[in-house]
Amino acid sequence: MLNYLLFDPTEDEHGHVNWDAMASVTAARVPALQAEVEQVLRWACTAFAGRYGPLDEGGDWDVDLQAQDDDGQPLPFGWQPDTGEVRLTAADHGRTTLTLSLSGNAQFAQAFEARWLAEPGA
């Protein structure tokens, strides 16, 4: 179950699906947000091992991850495509805002929706 990331899907003319999520949290909540993002990316890295990359270059899934403070200044972060490990730095003041965009082909889309968007007990 996801507590911070609420995904909004869009589909393009090629059948690729993009899920966008944004979360804005206080410094105390950054570790929980980081853990949630890491959980999603570790799933993708495991379920589609070796298939990460731009969709137009043959990848099954791709990701764009951004972090910024209240002033819109980028925050340092990192993630490891081979493991899904995420490192996110909290803003010095105010809130930390993270945007996560995942895109995938039809096979990835079906697996992503079954894992992350299905209603519990459905």
PDB file of N, CA and C in Angstrom:
ATOM      1  N   MET A   1       0.837  -1.174   0.000  1.00  0.00           N
ATOM      2  CA  MET A   1       0.000   0.000   0.000  1.00  0.00           C
ATOM      3  C   MET A   1       0.888   1.244   0.000  1.00  0.00           C
ATOM      4  N   LEU A   2       0.499   2.212  -0.787  1.00  0.00           N
ATOM      5  CA  LEU A   2       1.243   3.458  -0.890  1.00  0.00           C
ATOM      6  C   LEU A   2       0.551   4.543  -0.081  1.00  0.00           C
ATOM      7  N   ASN A   3       1.336   5.290   0.700  1.00  0.00           N
ATOM      8  CA  ASN A   3       0.789   6.359   1.532  1.00  0.00           C
ATOM      9  C   ASN A   3       1.064   7.754   0.990  1.00  0.00           C
ATOM     10  N   TYR A   4       2.131   7.901   0.221  1.00  0.00           N
ATOM     11  CA  TYR A   4       2.544   9.220  -0.255  1.00  0.00           C
ATOM     12  C   TYR A   4       2.352   9.390  -1.762  1.00  0.00           C
ATOM     13  N   LEU A   5       2.567   8.338  -2.505  1.00  0.00           N
ATOM     14  CA  LEU A   5       2.530   8.414  -3.961  1.00  0.00           C
ATOM     15  C   LEU A   5       1.145   8.040  -4.486  1.00  0.00           C
ATOM     16  N   LEU A   6       0.483   9.011  -5.095  1.00  0.00           N
ATOM     17  CA  LEU A   6      -0.801   8.779  -5.745  1.00  0.00           C
ATOM     18  C   LEU A   6      -0.563   8.975  -7.235  1.00  0.00           C
ATOM     19  N   PHE A   7      -0.637   7.895  -7.984  1.00  0.00           N
ATOM     20  CA  PHE A   7      -0.274   7.935  -9.391  1.00  0.00           C
ATOM     21  C   PHE A   7      -1.442   8.339 -10.279  1.00  0.00           C
ATOM     22  N   ASP A   8      -1.151   9.196 -11.227  1.00  0.00           N
ATOM     23  CA  ASP A   8      -2.109   9.642 -12.230  1.00  0.00           C
ATOM     24  C   ASP A   8      -1.619   9.113 -13.580  1.00  0.00           C
ATOM     25  N   PRO A   9      -2.347   8.164 -14.195  1.00  0.00           N
ATOM     26  CA  PRO A   9      -1.869   7.563 -15.446  1.00  0.00           C
ATOM     27  C   PRO A   9      -2.340   8.308 -16.700  1.00  0.00           C
ATOM     28  N   THR A  10      -1.493   8.263 -17.719  1.00  0.00           N
ATOM     29  CA  THR A  10      -1.849   8.721 -19.064  1.00  0.00           C
ATOM     30  C   THR A  10      -1.285   7.703 -20.048  1.00  0.00           C
ATOM     31  N   GLU A  11      -1.952   7.549 -21.180  1.00  0.00           N
ATOM     32  CA  GLU A  11      -1.503   6.598 -22.200  1.00  0.00           C
ATOM     33  C   GLU A  11      -1.261   7.352 -23.498  1.00  0.00           C
ATOM     34  N   ASP A  12      -0.192   6.970 -24.203  1.00  0.00           N
ATOM     35  CA  ASP A  12       0.100   7.621 -25.482  1.00  0.00           C
ATOM     36  C   ASP A  12      -0.397   6.760 -26.640  1.00  0.00           C
ATOM     37  N   GLU A  13      -0.200   7.253 -27.855  1.00  0.00           N
ATOM     38  CA  GLU A  13      -0.699   6.566 -29.050  1.00  0.00           C
ATOM     39  C   GLU A  13       0.021   5.250 -29.327  1.00  0.00           C
ATOM     40  N   HIS A  14       1.149   4.991 -28.647  1.00  0.00           N
ATOM     41  CA  HIS A  14       1.899   3.750 -28.841  1.00  0.00           C
ATOM     42  C   HIS A  14       1.532   2.688 -27.806  1.00  0.00           C
ATOM     43  N   GLY A  15       0.589   2.998 -26.927  1.00  0.00           N
ATOM     44  CA  GLY A  15       0.203   2.059 -25.883  1.00  0.00           C
ATOM     45  C   GLY A  15       1.091   2.125 -24.657  1.00  0.00           C
ATOM     46  N   HIS A  16       2.002   3.083 -24.608  1.00  0.00           N
ATOM     47  CA  HIS A  16       2.833   3.269 -23.428  1.00  0.00           C
ATOM     48  C   HIS A  16       2.039   4.053 -22.386  1.00  0.00           C
ATOM     49  N   VAL A  17       2.218   3.669 -21.140  1.00  0.00           N
ATOM     50  CA  VAL A  17       1.518   4.333 -20.050  1.00  0.00           C
ATOM     51  C   VAL A  17       2.541   5.079 -19.201  1.00  0.00           C
ATOM     52  N   ASN A  18       2.176   6.274 -18.777  1.00  0.00           N
ATOM     53  CA  ASN A  18       3.014   7.077 -17.896  1.00  0.00           C
ATOM     54  C   ASN A  18       2.225   7.321 -16.610  1.00  0.00           C
ATOM     55  N   TRP A  19       2.877   7.083 -15.477  1.00  0.00           N
ATOM     56  CA  TRP A  19       2.272   7.352 -14.177  1.00  0.00           C
ATOM     57  C   TRP A  19       3.067   8.452 -13.516  1.00  0.00           C
ATOM     58  N   ASP A  20       2.390   9.528 -13.140  1.00  0.00           N
ATOM     59  CA  ASP A  20       3.026  10.649 -12.457  1.00  0.00           C
ATOM     60  C   ASP A  20       2.512  10.720 -11.033  1.00  0.00           C
ATOM     61  N   ALA A  21       3.443  10.936 -10.108  1.00  0.00           N
ATOM     62  CA  ALA A  21       3.085  11.114  -8.706  1.00  0.00           C
ATOM     63  C   ALA A  21       3.943  12.231  -8.135  1.00  0.00           C
ATOM     64  N   MET A  22       3.353  13.005  -7.232  1.00  0.00           N
ATOM     65  CA  MET A  22       4.078  14.064  -6.551  1.00  0.00           C
ATOM     66  C   MET A  22       3.734  13.979  -5.068  1.00  0.00           C
ATOM     67  N   ALA A  23       4.749  14.164  -4.238  1.00  0.00           N
ATOM     68  CA  ALA A  23       4.539  14.184  -2.797  1.00  0.00           C
ATOM     69  C   ALA A  23       5.365  15.320  -2.214  1.00  0.00           C
ATOM     70  N   SER A  24       4.776  16.031  -1.265  1.00  0.00           N
ATOM     71  CA  SER A  24       5.466  17.127  -0.594  1.00  0.00           C
ATOM     72  C   SER A  24       5.370  16.868   0.903  1.00  0.00           C
ATOM     73  N   VAL A  25       6.532  16.722   1.557  1.00  0.00           N
ATOM     74  CA  VAL A  25       6.553  16.325   2.961  1.00  0.00           C
ATOM     75  C   VAL A  25       7.521  17.191   3.762  1.00  0.00           C
ATOM     76  N   THR A  26       7.314  17.202   5.073  1.00  0.00           N
ATOM     77  CA  THR A  26       8.250  17.857   5.977  1.00  0.00           C
ATOM     78  C   THR A  26       9.493  16.975   6.115  1.00  0.00           C
ATOM     79  N   ALA A  27      10.547  17.550   6.673  1.00  0.00           N
ATOM     80  CA  ALA A  27      11.808  16.812   6.824  1.00  0.00           C
ATOM     81  C   ALA A  27      11.620  15.509   7.597  1.00  0.00           C
ATOM     82  N   ALA A  28      10.739  15.517   8.585  1.00  0.00           N
ATOM     83  CA  ALA A  28      10.518  14.315   9.388  1.00  0.00           C
ATOM     84  C   ALA A  28       9.928  13.165   8.570  1.00  0.00           C
ATOM     85  N   ARG A  29       9.238  13.475   7.489  1.00  0.00           N
ATOM     86  CA  ARG A  29       8.585  12.461   6.657  1.00  0.00           C
ATOM     87  C   ARG A  29       9.426  12.011   5.462  1.00  0.00           C
ATOM     88  N   VAL A  30      10.558  12.687   5.224  1.00  0.00           N
ATOM     89  CA  VAL A  30      11.392  12.331   4.077  1.00  0.00           C
ATOM     90  C   VAL A  30      11.828  10.862   4.103  1.00  0.00           C
ATOM     91  N   PRO A  31      12.266  10.308   5.240  1.00  0.00           N
ATOM     92  CA  PRO A  31      12.657   8.892   5.230  1.00  0.00           C
ATOM     93  C   PRO A  31      11.511   7.951   4.809  1.00  0.00           C
ATOM     94  N   ALA A  32      10.298   8.236   5.228  1.00  0.00           N
ATOM     95  CA  ALA A  32       9.159   7.397   4.846  1.00  0.00           C
ATOM     96  C   ALA A  32       8.857   7.535   3.359  1.00  0.00           C
ATOM     97  N   LEU A  33       8.924   8.758   2.840  1.00  0.00           N
ATOM     98  CA  LEU A  33       8.720   8.968   1.406  1.00  0.00           C
ATOM     99  C   LEU A  33       9.809   8.273   0.608  1.00  0.00           C
ATOM    100  N   GLN A  34      11.044   8.411   1.047  1.00  0.00           N
ATOM    101  CA  GLN A  34      12.156   7.749   0.372  1.00  0.00           C
ATOM    102  C   GLN A  34      11.943   6.239   0.340  1.00  0.00           C
ATOM    103  N   ALA A  35      11.518   5.675   1.456  1.00  0.00           N
ATOM    104  CA  ALA A  35      11.278   4.228   1.523  1.00  0.00           C
ATOM    105  C   ALA A  35      10.175   3.805   0.547  1.00  0.00           C
ATOM    106  N   GLU A  36       9.139   4.619   0.417  1.00  0.00           N
ATOM    107  CA  GLU A  36       8.050   4.283  -0.490  1.00  0.00           C
ATOM    108  C   GLU A  36       8.502   4.336  -1.947  1.00  0.00           C
ATOM    109  N   VAL A  37       9.243   5.372  -2.311  1.00  0.00           N
ATOM    110  CA  VAL A  37       9.770   5.473  -3.672  1.00  0.00           C
ATOM    111  C   VAL A  37      10.694   4.294  -3.951  1.00  0.00           C
ATOM    112  N   GLU A  38      11.532   3.991  -2.992  1.00  0.00           N
ATOM    113  CA  GLU A  38      12.467   2.874  -3.144  1.00  0.00           C
ATOM    114  C   GLU A  38      11.718   1.556  -3.315  1.00  0.00           C
ATOM    115  N   GLN A  39      10.632   1.382  -2.590  1.00  0.00           N
ATOM    116  CA  GLN A  39       9.835   0.157  -2.701  1.00  0.00           C
ATOM    117  C   GLN A  39       9.310  -0.010  -4.132  1.00  0.00           C
ATOM    118  N   VAL A  40       8.796   1.055  -4.713  1.00  0.00           N
ATOM    119  CA  VAL A  40       8.276   0.997  -6.077  1.00  0.00           C
ATOM    120  C   VAL A  40       9.399   0.721  -7.070  1.00  0.00           C
ATOM    121  N   LEU A  41      10.517   1.437  -6.934  1.00  0.00           N
ATOM    122  CA  LEU A  41      11.620   1.254  -7.883  1.00  0.00           C
ATOM    123  C   LEU A  41      12.303  -0.099  -7.723  1.00  0.00           C
ATOM    124  N   ARG A  42      12.411  -0.602  -6.502  1.00  0.00           N
ATOM    125  CA  ARG A  42      12.976  -1.956  -6.315  1.00  0.00           C
ATOM    126  C   ARG A  42      12.079  -3.003  -6.971  1.00  0.00           C
ATOM    127  N   TRP A  43      10.768  -2.823  -6.843  1.00  0.00           N
ATOM    128  CA  TRP A  43       9.854  -3.747  -7.509  1.00  0.00           C
ATOM    129  C   TRP A  43      10.119  -3.731  -9.016  1.00  0.00           C
ATOM    130  N   ALA A  44      10.186  -2.533  -9.610  1.00  0.00           N
ATOM    131  CA  ALA A  44      10.408  -2.433 -11.059  1.00  0.00           C
ATOM    132  C   ALA A  44      11.738  -3.060 -11.454  1.00  0.00           C
ATOM    133  N   CYS A  45      12.780  -2.795 -10.678  1.00  0.00           N
ATOM    134  CA  CYS A  45      14.109  -3.337 -10.984  1.00  0.00           C
ATOM    135  C   CYS A  45      14.149  -4.852 -10.868  1.00  0.00           C
ATOM    136  N   THR A  46      13.358  -5.408  -9.974  1.00  0.00           N
ATOM    137  CA  THR A  46      13.317  -6.856  -9.786  1.00  0.00           C
ATOM    138  C   THR A  46      12.382  -7.521 -10.793  1.00  0.00           C
ATOM    139  N   ALA A  47      11.179  -7.004 -10.907  1.00  0.00           N
ATOM    140  CA  ALA A  47      10.179  -7.615 -11.791  1.00  0.00           C
ATOM    141  C   ALA A  47      10.569  -7.493 -13.262  1.00  0.00           C
ATOM    142  N   PHE A  48      11.305  -6.442 -13.606  1.00  0.00           N
ATOM    143  CA  PHE A  48      11.716  -6.209 -14.999  1.00  0.00           C
ATOM    144  C   PHE A  48      13.227  -6.020 -15.058  1.00  0.00           C
ATOM    145  N   ALA A  49      13.928  -6.954 -14.407  1.00  0.00           N
ATOM    146  CA  ALA A  49      15.391  -6.890 -14.321  1.00  0.00           C
ATOM    147  C   ALA A  49      16.016  -6.847 -15.716  1.00  0.00           C
ATOM    148  N   GLY A  50      16.929  -5.897 -15.884  1.00  0.00           N
ATOM    149  CA  GLY A  50      17.641  -5.767 -17.146  1.00  0.00           C
ATOM    150  C   GLY A  50      16.830  -5.151 -18.265  1.00  0.00           C
ATOM    151  N   ARG A  51      15.625  -4.674 -17.949  1.00  0.00           N
ATOM    152  CA  ARG A  51      14.749  -4.144 -18.999  1.00  0.00           C
ATOM    153  C   ARG A  51      14.436  -2.666 -18.801  1.00  0.00           C
ATOM    154  N   TYR A  52      15.231  -1.993 -17.944  1.00  0.00           N
ATOM    155  CA  TYR A  52      15.097  -0.565 -17.703  1.00  0.00           C
ATOM    156  C   TYR A  52      15.765   0.206 -18.836  1.00  0.00           C
ATOM    157  N   GLY A  53      15.116   1.259 -19.301  1.00  0.00           N
ATOM    158  CA  GLY A  53      15.705   2.128 -20.306  1.00  0.00           C
ATOM    159  C   GLY A  53      14.635   2.865 -21.076  1.00  0.00           C
ATOM    160  N   PRO A  54      15.036   3.830 -21.886  1.00  0.00           N
ATOM    161  CA  PRO A  54      14.060   4.591 -22.679  1.00  0.00           C
ATOM    162  C   PRO A  54      13.198   3.664 -23.536  1.00  0.00           C
ATOM    163  N   LEU A  55      11.899   3.900 -23.522  1.00  0.00           N
ATOM    164  CA  LEU A  55      10.981   3.028 -24.269  1.00  0.00           C
ATOM    165  C   LEU A  55      11.255   3.077 -25.761  1.00  0.00           C
ATOM    166  N   ASP A  56      11.632   4.242 -26.272  1.00  0.00           N
ATOM    167  CA  ASP A  56      11.893   4.352 -27.709  1.00  0.00           C
ATOM    168  C   ASP A  56      13.214   3.699 -28.126  1.00  0.00           C
ATOM    169  N   GLU A  57      13.963   3.209 -27.131  1.00  0.00           N
ATOM    170  CA  GLU A  57      15.197   2.476 -27.417  1.00  0.00           C
ATOM    171  C   GLU A  57      15.074   1.014 -27.037  1.00  0.00           C
ATOM    172  N   GLY A  58      13.834   0.549 -26.792  1.00  0.00           N
ATOM    173  CA  GLY A  58      13.602  -0.860 -26.496  1.00  0.00           C
ATOM    174  C   GLY A  58      13.448  -1.226 -25.044  1.00  0.00           C
ATOM    175  N   GLY A  59      13.543  -0.258 -24.130  1.00  0.00           N
ATOM    176  CA  GLY A  59      13.337  -0.556 -22.719  1.00  0.00           C
ATOM    177  C   GLY A  59      11.875  -0.850 -22.437  1.00  0.00           C
ATOM    178  N   ASP A  60      11.629  -1.620 -21.390  1.00  0.00           N
ATOM    179  CA  ASP A  60      10.253  -1.910 -20.973  1.00  0.00           C
ATOM    180  C   ASP A  60       9.703  -0.846 -20.038  1.00  0.00           C
ATOM    181  N   TRP A  61      10.611  -0.149 -19.336  1.00  0.00           N
ATOM    182  CA  TRP A  61      10.171   0.878 -18.401  1.00  0.00           C
ATOM    183  C   TRP A  61      11.281   1.908 -18.222  1.00  0.00           C
ATOM    184  N   ASP A  62      10.870   3.095 -17.814  1.00  0.00           N
ATOM    185  CA  ASP A  62      11.809   4.190 -17.586  1.00  0.00           C
ATOM    186  C   ASP A  62      11.285   5.027 -16.425  1.00  0.00           C
ATOM    187  N   VAL A  63      12.142   5.846 -15.866  1.00  0.00           N
ATOM    188  CA  VAL A  63      11.760   6.644 -14.699  1.00  0.00           C
ATOM    189  C   VAL A  63      12.396   8.024 -14.782  1.00  0.00           C
ATOM    190  N   ASP A  64      11.690   9.010 -14.254  1.00  0.00           N
ATOM    191  CA  ASP A  64      12.226  10.348 -14.058  1.00  0.00           C
ATOM    192  C   ASP A  64      11.907  10.720 -12.619  1.00  0.00           C
ATOM    193  N   LEU A  65      12.924  11.073 -11.877  1.00  0.00           N
ATOM    194  CA  LEU A  65      12.784  11.389 -10.462  1.00  0.00           C
ATOM    195  C   LEU A  65      13.379  12.766 -10.236  1.00  0.00           C
ATOM    196  N   GLN A  66      12.624  13.651  -9.587  1.00  0.00           N
ATOM    197  CA  GLN A  66      13.070  15.010  -9.303  1.00  0.00           C
ATOM    198  C   GLN A  66      12.737  15.336  -7.850  1.00  0.00           C
ATOM    199  N   ALA A  67      13.602  16.151  -7.221  1.00  0.00           N
ATOM    200  CA  ALA A  67      13.349  16.606  -5.849  1.00  0.00           C
ATOM    201  C   ALA A  67      13.720  18.076  -5.758  1.00  0.00           C
ATOM    202  N   GLN A  68      12.904  18.829  -5.002  1.00  0.00           N
ATOM    203  CA  GLN A  68      13.175  20.261  -4.833  1.00  0.00           C
ATOM    204  C   GLN A  68      12.655  20.734  -3.489  1.00  0.00           C
ATOM    205  N   ASP A  69      13.143  21.920  -3.084  1.00  0.00           N
ATOM    206  CA  ASP A  69      12.670  22.526  -1.842  1.00  0.00           C
ATOM    207  C   ASP A  69      11.534  23.506  -2.148  1.00  0.00           C
ATOM    208  N   ASP A  70      11.055  24.205  -1.116  1.00  0.00           N
ATOM    209  CA  ASP A  70       9.937  25.140  -1.280  1.00  0.00           C
ATOM    210  C   ASP A  70      10.240  26.284  -2.246  1.00  0.00           C
ATOM    211  N   ASP A  71      11.515  26.620  -2.389  1.00  0.00           N
ATOM    212  CA  ASP A  71      11.908  27.704  -3.288  1.00  0.00           C
ATOM    213  C   ASP A  71      12.109  27.223  -4.721  1.00  0.00           C
ATOM    214  N   GLY A  72      11.866  25.933  -4.967  1.00  0.00           N
ATOM    215  CA  GLY A  72      12.039  25.383  -6.302  1.00  0.00           C
ATOM    216  C   GLY A  72      13.473  25.009  -6.628  1.00  0.00           C
ATOM    217  N   GLN A  73      14.339  25.042  -5.621  1.00  0.00           N
ATOM    218  CA  GLN A  73      15.732  24.669  -5.844  1.00  0.00           C
ATOM    219  C   GLN A  73      15.882  23.152  -5.819  1.00  0.00           C
ATOM    220  N   PRO A  74      16.597  22.585  -6.783  1.00  0.00           N
ATOM    221  CA  PRO A  74      16.795  21.135  -6.811  1.00  0.00           C
ATOM    222  C   PRO A  74      17.506  20.646  -5.557  1.00  0.00           C
ATOM    223  N   LEU A  75      17.104  19.479  -5.096  1.00  0.00           N
ATOM    224  CA  LEU A  75      17.742  18.829  -3.950  1.00  0.00           C
ATOM    225  C   LEU A  75      18.532  17.624  -4.444  1.00  0.00           C
ATOM    226  N   PRO A  76      19.649  17.335  -3.781  1.00  0.00           N
ATOM    227  CA  PRO A  76      20.425  16.167  -4.186  1.00  0.00           C
ATOM    228  C   PRO A  76      19.647  14.878  -3.918  1.00  0.00           C
ATOM    229  N   PHE A  77      19.718  13.980  -4.853  1.00  0.00           N
ATOM    230  CA  PHE A  77      19.116  12.664  -4.696  1.00  0.00           C
ATOM    231  C   PHE A  77      19.869  11.719  -5.610  1.00  0.00           C
ATOM    232  N   GLY A  78      19.636  10.471  -5.424  1.00  0.00           N
ATOM    233  CA  GLY A  78      20.231   9.487  -6.304  1.00  0.00           C
ATOM    234  C   GLY A  78      19.439   8.202  -6.244  1.00  0.00           C
ATOM    235  N   TRP A  79      19.567   7.424  -7.287  1.00  0.00           N
ATOM    236  CA  TRP A  79      18.980   6.088  -7.258  1.00  0.00           C
ATOM    237  C   TRP A  79      19.822   5.190  -8.141  1.00  0.00           C
ATOM    238  N   GLN A  80      19.865   3.936  -7.785  1.00  0.00           N
ATOM    239  CA  GLN A  80      20.666   2.950  -8.482  1.00  0.00           C
ATOM    240  C   GLN A  80      19.763   2.076  -9.353  1.00  0.00           C
ATOM    241  N   PRO A  81      19.875   2.202 -10.687  1.00  0.00           N
ATOM    242  CA  PRO A  81      18.998   1.424 -11.573  1.00  0.00           C
ATOM    243  C   PRO A  81      19.133  -0.088 -11.421  1.00  0.00           C
ATOM    244  N   ASP A  82      20.271  -0.572 -10.961  1.00  0.00           N
ATOM    245  CA  ASP A  82      20.432  -2.019 -10.824  1.00  0.00           C
ATOM    246  C   ASP A  82      19.763  -2.577  -9.573  1.00  0.00           C
ATOM    247  N   THR A  83      19.552  -1.740  -8.553  1.00  0.00           N
ATOM    248  CA  THR A  83      18.969  -2.222  -7.298  1.00  0.00           C
ATOM    249  C   THR A  83      17.688  -1.512  -6.899  1.00  0.00           C
ATOM    250  N   GLY A  84      17.471  -0.301  -7.403  1.00  0.00           N
ATOM    251  CA  GLY A  84      16.314   0.491  -6.997  1.00  0.00           C
ATOM    252  C   GLY A  84      16.564   1.309  -5.750  1.00  0.00           C
ATOM    253  N   GLU A  85      17.777   1.248  -5.190  1.00  0.00           N
ATOM    254  CA  GLU A  85      18.093   2.012  -3.984  1.00  0.00           C
ATOM    255  C   GLU A  85      17.972   3.513  -4.258  1.00  0.00           C
ATOM    256  N   VAL A  86      17.339   4.234  -3.322  1.00  0.00           N
ATOM    257  CA  VAL A  86      17.110   5.672  -3.450  1.00  0.00           C
ATOM    258  C   VAL A  86      17.765   6.395  -2.278  1.00  0.00           C
ATOM    259  N   ARG A  87      18.393   7.528  -2.583  1.00  0.00           N
ATOM    260  CA  ARG A  87      18.930   8.415  -1.544  1.00  0.00           C
ATOM    261  C   ARG A  87      18.345   9.796  -1.803  1.00  0.00           C
ATOM    262  N   LEU A  88      17.614  10.314  -0.827  1.00  0.00           N
ATOM    263  CA  LEU A  88      16.938  11.602  -0.952  1.00  0.00           C
ATOM    264  C   LEU A  88      17.349  12.492   0.217  1.00  0.00           C
ATOM    265  N   THR A  89      17.733  13.724  -0.085  1.00  0.00           N
ATOM    266  CA  THR A  89      18.125  14.690   0.932  1.00  0.00           C
ATOM    267  C   THR A  89      16.948  15.612   1.227  1.00  0.00           C
ATOM    268  N   ALA A  90      16.652  15.786   2.509  1.00  0.00           N
ATOM    269  CA  ALA A  90      15.557  16.674   2.909  1.00  0.00           C
ATOM    270  C   ALA A  90      15.963  18.130   2.732  1.00  0.00           C
ATOM    271  N   ALA A  91      14.980  18.966   2.479  1.00  0.00           N
ATOM    272  CA  ALA A  91      15.203  20.409   2.388  1.00  0.00           C
ATOM    273  C   ALA A  91      15.673  20.932   3.739  1.00  0.00           C
ATOM    274  N   ASP A  92      16.529  21.951   3.704  1.00  0.00           N
ATOM    275  CA  ASP A  92      17.013  22.563   4.944  1.00  0.00           C
ATOM    276  C   ASP A  92      15.892  23.249   5.708  1.00  0.00           C
ATOM    277  N   HIS A  93      14.910  23.772   4.983  1.00  0.00           N
ATOM    278  CA  HIS A  93      13.763  24.432   5.605  1.00  0.00           C
ATOM    279  C   HIS A  93      12.532  24.136   4.740  1.00  0.00           C
ATOM    280  N   GLY A  94      11.382  24.190   5.343  1.00  0.00           N
ATOM    281  CA  GLY A  94      10.153  23.950   4.587  1.00  0.00           C
ATOM    282  C   GLY A  94       9.981  22.490   4.204  1.00  0.00           C
ATOM    283  N   ARG A  95       9.369  22.300   3.058  1.00  0.00           N
ATOM    284  CA  ARG A  95       9.003  20.968   2.609  1.00  0.00           C
ATOM    285  C   ARG A  95       9.930  20.484   1.505  1.00  0.00           C
ATOM    286  N   THR A  96       9.993  19.170   1.388  1.00  0.00           N
ATOM    287  CA  THR A  96      10.697  18.505   0.295  1.00  0.00           C
ATOM    288  C   THR A  96       9.636  17.980  -0.649  1.00  0.00           C
ATOM    289  N   THR A  97       9.737  18.356  -1.911  1.00  0.00           N
ATOM    290  CA  THR A  97       8.769  17.901  -2.913  1.00  0.00           C
ATOM    291  C   THR A  97       9.473  16.975  -3.883  1.00  0.00           C
ATOM    292  N   LEU A  98       8.897  15.817  -4.074  1.00  0.00           N
ATOM    293  CA  LEU A  98       9.447  14.818  -4.976  1.00  0.00           C
ATOM    294  C   LEU A  98       8.431  14.524  -6.062  1.00  0.00           C
ATOM    295  N   THR A  99       8.888  14.442  -7.292  1.00  0.00           N
ATOM    296  CA  THR A  99       8.031  13.996  -8.390  1.00  0.00           C
ATOM    297  C   THR A  99       8.641  12.734  -8.958  1.00  0.00           C
ATOM    298  N   LEU A 100       7.792  11.773  -9.199  1.00  0.00           N
ATOM    299  CA  LEU A 100       8.190  10.483  -9.751  1.00  0.00           C
ATOM    300  C   LEU A 100       7.321  10.215 -10.964  1.00  0.00           C
ATOM    301  N   SER A 101       7.959  10.019 -12.102  1.00  0.00           N
ATOM    302  CA  SER A 101       7.248   9.655 -13.333  1.00  0.00           C
ATOM    303  C   SER A 101       7.802   8.325 -13.811  1.00  0.00           C
ATOM    304  N   LEU A 102       6.925   7.359 -13.913  1.00  0.00           N
ATOM    305  CA  LEU A 102       7.277   6.041 -14.444  1.00  0.00           C
ATOM    306  C   LEU A 102       6.560   5.863 -15.770  1.00  0.00           C
ATOM    307  N   SER A 103       7.254   5.366 -16.745  1.00  0.00           N
ATOM    308  CA  SER A 103       6.610   5.040 -18.013  1.00  0.00           C
ATOM    309  C   SER A 103       6.918   3.588 -18.337  1.00  0.00           C
ATOM    310  N   GLY A 104       5.994   2.950 -19.040  1.00  0.00           N
ATOM    311  CA  GLY A 104       6.208   1.544 -19.358  1.00  0.00           C
ATOM    312  C   GLY A 104       5.404   1.098 -20.559  1.00  0.00           C
ATOM    313  N   ASN A 105       5.854  -0.013 -21.135  1.00  0.00           N
ATOM    314  CA  ASN A 105       5.116  -0.618 -22.240  1.00  0.00           C
ATOM    315  C   ASN A 105       3.901  -1.359 -21.678  1.00  0.00           C
ATOM    316  N   ALA A 106       3.143  -2.013 -22.549  1.00  0.00           N
ATOM    317  CA  ALA A 106       1.897  -2.666 -22.131  1.00  0.00           C
ATOM    318  C   ALA A 106       2.131  -3.734 -21.064  1.00  0.00           C
ATOM    319  N   GLN A 107       3.191  -4.521 -21.200  1.00  0.00           N
ATOM    320  CA  GLN A 107       3.469  -5.574 -20.219  1.00  0.00           C
ATOM    321  C   GLN A 107       3.806  -4.965 -18.855  1.00  0.00           C
ATOM    322  N   PHE A 108       4.637  -3.939 -18.847  1.00  0.00           N
ATOM    323  CA  PHE A 108       4.975  -3.263 -17.602  1.00  0.00           C
ATOM    324  C   PHE A 108       3.732  -2.611 -17.004  1.00  0.00           C
ATOM    325  N   ALA A 109       2.928  -1.975 -17.850  1.00  0.00           N
ATOM    326  CA  ALA A 109       1.718  -1.301 -17.379  1.00  0.00           C
ATOM    327  C   ALA A 109       0.794  -2.265 -16.656  1.00  0.00           C
ATOM    328  N   GLN A 110       0.600  -3.430 -17.243  1.00  0.00           N
ATOM    329  CA  GLN A 110      -0.290  -4.426 -16.632  1.00  0.00           C
ATOM    330  C   GLN A 110       0.258  -4.875 -15.274  1.00  0.00           C
ATOM    331  N   ALA A 111       1.550  -5.146 -15.206  1.00  0.00           N
ATOM    332  CA  ALA A 111       2.155  -5.590 -13.953  1.00  0.00           C
ATOM    333  C   ALA A 111       2.145  -4.473 -12.902  1.00  0.00           C
ATOM    334  N   PHE A 112       2.443  -3.245 -13.322  1.00  0.00           N
ATOM    335  CA  PHE A 112       2.450  -2.107 -12.404  1.00  0.00           C
ATOM    336  C   PHE A 112       1.056  -1.892 -11.809  1.00  0.00           C
ATOM    337  N   GLU A 113       0.057  -1.899 -12.655  1.00  0.00           N
ATOM    338  CA  GLU A 113      -1.306  -1.683 -12.172  1.00  0.00           C
ATOM    339  C   GLU A 113      -1.752  -2.776 -11.227  1.00  0.00           C
ATOM    340  N   ALA A 114      -1.400  -4.035 -11.532  1.00  0.00           N
ATOM    341  CA  ALA A 114      -1.770  -5.144 -10.657  1.00  0.00           C
ATOM    342  C   ALA A 114      -1.082  -5.025  -9.292  1.00  0.00           C
ATOM    343  N   ARG A 115       0.165  -4.583  -9.289  1.00  0.00           N
ATOM    344  CA  ARG A 115       0.925  -4.506  -8.043  1.00  0.00           C
ATOM    345  C   ARG A 115       0.610  -3.257  -7.218  1.00  0.00           C
ATOM    346  N   TRP A 116       0.473  -2.111  -7.855  1.00  0.00           N
ATOM    347  CA  TRP A 116       0.402  -0.845  -7.120  1.00  0.00           C
ATOM    348  C   TRP A 116      -0.944  -0.151  -7.142  1.00  0.00           C
ATOM    349  N   LEU A 117      -1.801  -0.483  -8.089  1.00  0.00           N
ATOM    350  CA  LEU A 117      -3.058   0.268  -8.208  1.00  0.00           C
ATOM    351  C   LEU A 117      -4.299  -0.562  -7.925  1.00  0.00           C
ATOM    352  N   ALA A 118      -4.141  -1.866  -7.785  1.00  0.00           N
ATOM    353  CA  ALA A 118      -5.294  -2.726  -7.503  1.00  0.00           C
ATOM    354  C   ALA A 118      -5.828  -2.447  -6.100  1.00  0.00           C
ATOM    355  N   GLU A 119      -7.120  -2.509  -5.980  1.00  0.00           N
ATOM    356  CA  GLU A 119      -7.748  -2.318  -4.669  1.00  0.00           C
ATOM    357  C   GLU A 119      -7.410  -3.506  -3.780  1.00  0.00           C
ATOM    358  N   PRO A 120      -7.088  -3.271  -2.502  1.00  0.00           N
ATOM    359  CA  PRO A 120      -6.798  -4.383  -1.587  1.00  0.00           C
ATOM    360  C   PRO A 120      -7.984  -5.343  -1.536  1.00  0.00           C
ATOM    361  N   GLY A 121      -7.688  -6.623  -1.618  1.00  0.00           N
ATOM    362  CA  GLY A 121      -8.727  -7.659  -1.559  1.00  0.00           C
ATOM    363  C   GLY A 121      -9.470  -7.851  -2.853  1.00  0.00           C
ATOM    364  N   ALA A 122      -9.111  -7.115  -3.903  1.00  0.00           N
ATOM    365  CA  ALA A 122      -9.810  -7.255  -5.184  1.00  0.00           C
ATOM    366  C   ALA A 122      -9.313  -8.449  -5.945  1.00  0.00           C
TER     367      ALA A 122
END
